[in-house]
Each structure stands twice: as C-alpha cells, then as structure tokens.
Amino acid sequence: MDSSNPKLQSSRESRTPKLTTQGLSVLASAFVFGLAVYRADPKDIPVIVKTIVNSSFFVLAGWILACAFLICGIIVVLLMGRIYSTEIARLARERDNLQTKLLGGDSK
C-alpha cells in the first residue's frame, strides 16, 4: 500500500450489539420453556408438546403471524420501490444539471 494514500477509517464503530431487546425476549421465552421441560416428568413431555401444538390458539397465532409478516413484507417492498424510483429520478436530475453546467449551458 502506498504510504501517501492512508487507509480511510470510520469515525464510528460498526459493531452490532450482541443482545438486543428482541433477542432478550426470545432468550427469556426459551429459558422459561426449557425450565418447564426440565422440571416436568419425562412421561409428561410428549403430552405437553402435543397440547401446545394441537391447541387452536397456537394455530391461530401462527396464521396471524404469517399474515402480518406477509403484509409487512409487501409494504416494505412497495416502499423500497418508491424510494428507489425517487432516488433514481433525483440522480438523473443532478446528472442533467451537472452536464449542462459542464457543457456551458445556461447557468443556474
């Protein structure tokens, strides 16, 4: 590497936190579920799992969550498309303005 061109460094650390609020809730839920399975009798574990999986609340919650993810995904895709289109239009306007300035067109 050439010593006259030092490597640029960011002024801010780009480190992602290991434990966020969302991760904490998942961790707490997993801990409670693991503790419940650990403290239960081994013969009761299949009954507990069958009760959770066969409950209508579990199924309904899964469908609601899937629909929410689908709707949020569609909204994000539409917003990103709109942002992309406006940004491309802005860049085209800037390019045109710079070309007219450089080619000696009307000065604004």
Protein backbone atom coordinates (compact mmCIF):
# COMPACT_ATOMS: atom_id res chain seq x y z
CA MET A 1 0.00 0.00 0.00
CA ASP A 2 1.26 3.45 -0.88
CA SER A 3 2.17 5.50 2.21
CA SER A 4 0.85 8.69 0.60
CA ASN A 5 -2.67 7.22 0.49
CA PRO A 6 -3.52 6.20 4.05
CA LYS A 7 -6.43 3.85 4.56
CA LEU A 8 -9.64 5.67 5.46
CA GLN A 9 -11.19 4.74 8.77
CA SER A 10 -14.68 5.29 10.02
CA SER A 11 -15.14 7.62 12.94
CA ARG A 12 -17.81 5.37 14.39
CA GLU A 13 -17.57 1.73 15.33
CA SER A 14 -19.62 -0.50 13.09
CA ARG A 15 -20.34 -3.10 15.74
CA THR A 16 -23.72 -4.72 16.11
CA PRO A 17 -24.86 -5.26 19.70
CA LYS A 18 -24.92 -8.92 20.66
CA LEU A 19 -28.08 -8.79 22.75
CA THR A 20 -30.92 -6.51 21.72
CA THR A 21 -34.37 -6.15 23.23
CA GLN A 22 -35.82 -8.54 20.66
CA GLY A 23 -33.10 -11.09 21.37
CA LEU A 24 -33.73 -10.76 25.08
CA SER A 25 -37.42 -11.64 24.71
CA VAL A 26 -36.59 -14.73 22.64
CA LEU A 27 -33.94 -15.73 25.15
CA ALA A 28 -36.32 -15.29 28.09
CA SER A 29 -39.05 -17.32 26.36
CA ALA A 30 -36.61 -20.10 25.53
CA PHE A 31 -35.35 -20.10 29.12
CA VAL A 32 -38.87 -20.38 30.56
CA PHE A 33 -39.81 -23.16 28.11
CA GLY A 34 -36.55 -25.02 28.79
CA LEU A 35 -37.04 -24.72 32.54
CA ALA A 36 -40.61 -26.03 32.26
CA VAL A 37 -39.46 -29.03 30.20
CA TYR A 38 -36.56 -29.69 32.58
CA ARG A 39 -38.78 -29.63 35.68
CA ALA A 40 -41.51 -31.80 34.13
CA ASP A 41 -41.59 -35.56 34.41
CA PRO A 42 -40.18 -37.30 31.33
CA LYS A 43 -43.50 -39.09 30.77
CA ASP A 44 -45.35 -35.73 30.68
CA ILE A 45 -43.18 -34.07 27.99
CA PRO A 46 -44.98 -35.64 24.98
CA VAL A 47 -48.32 -34.62 26.48
CA ILE A 48 -47.11 -31.04 26.98
CA VAL A 49 -45.79 -30.78 23.42
CA LYS A 50 -48.97 -32.35 21.99
CA THR A 51 -51.15 -29.93 23.97
CA ILE A 52 -49.20 -26.90 22.75
CA VAL A 53 -49.09 -28.00 19.10
CA ASN A 54 -52.74 -29.11 18.92
CA SER A 55 -54.17 -26.03 20.61
CA SER A 56 -56.28 -23.78 18.41
CA PHE A 57 -54.59 -20.72 19.90
CA PHE A 58 -51.21 -21.96 18.65
CA VAL A 59 -52.59 -22.47 15.14
CA LEU A 60 -54.43 -19.14 15.12
CA ALA A 61 -51.37 -17.29 16.40
CA GLY A 62 -49.27 -18.89 13.66
CA TRP A 63 -51.67 -17.82 10.91
CA ILE A 64 -51.95 -14.29 12.31
CA LEU A 65 -48.17 -14.02 12.49
CA ALA A 66 -47.77 -15.35 8.94
CA CYS A 67 -50.34 -12.85 7.60
CA ALA A 68 -48.67 -10.00 9.48
CA PHE A 69 -45.28 -10.92 8.01
CA LEU A 70 -46.79 -11.12 4.53
CA ILE A 71 -48.46 -7.72 4.81
CA CYS A 72 -45.34 -6.10 6.29
CA GLY A 73 -43.21 -7.64 3.55
CA ILE A 74 -45.48 -6.28 0.82
CA ILE A 75 -45.41 -2.82 2.43
CA VAL A 76 -41.61 -2.85 2.69
CA VAL A 77 -41.23 -3.90 -0.96
CA LEU A 78 -43.59 -1.15 -2.13
CA LEU A 79 -41.84 1.50 -0.02
CA MET A 80 -38.41 0.40 -1.23
CA GLY A 81 -39.61 0.57 -4.83
CA ARG A 82 -40.92 4.09 -4.31
CA ILE A 83 -37.71 5.21 -2.58
CA TYR A 84 -35.63 3.65 -5.36
CA SER A 85 -37.65 5.39 -8.09
CA THR A 86 -37.43 8.81 -6.45
CA GLU A 87 -33.70 8.41 -5.85
CA ILE A 88 -33.05 7.41 -9.46
CA ALA A 89 -35.09 10.43 -10.64
CA ARG A 90 -33.08 12.72 -8.32
CA LEU A 91 -29.79 11.34 -9.61
CA ALA A 92 -30.93 11.82 -13.21
CA ARG A 93 -31.85 15.46 -12.48
CA GLU A 94 -28.46 16.06 -10.84
CA ARG A 95 -26.67 14.42 -13.74
CA ASP A 96 -28.54 16.59 -16.23
CA ASN A 97 -27.80 19.77 -14.24
CA LEU A 98 -24.10 18.93 -14.00
CA GLN A 99 -23.90 18.11 -17.70
CA THR A 100 -25.49 21.42 -18.65
CA LYS A 101 -23.08 23.29 -16.34
CA LEU A 102 -20.04 21.45 -17.70
CA LEU A 103 -21.04 21.84 -21.33
CA GLY A 104 -21.58 25.56 -20.91
CA GLY A 105 -25.34 25.60 -20.98
CA ASP A 106 -27.44 28.05 -19.03
CA SER A 107 -26.04 28.65 -15.55
CA LYS A 108 -28.44 28.43 -12.65
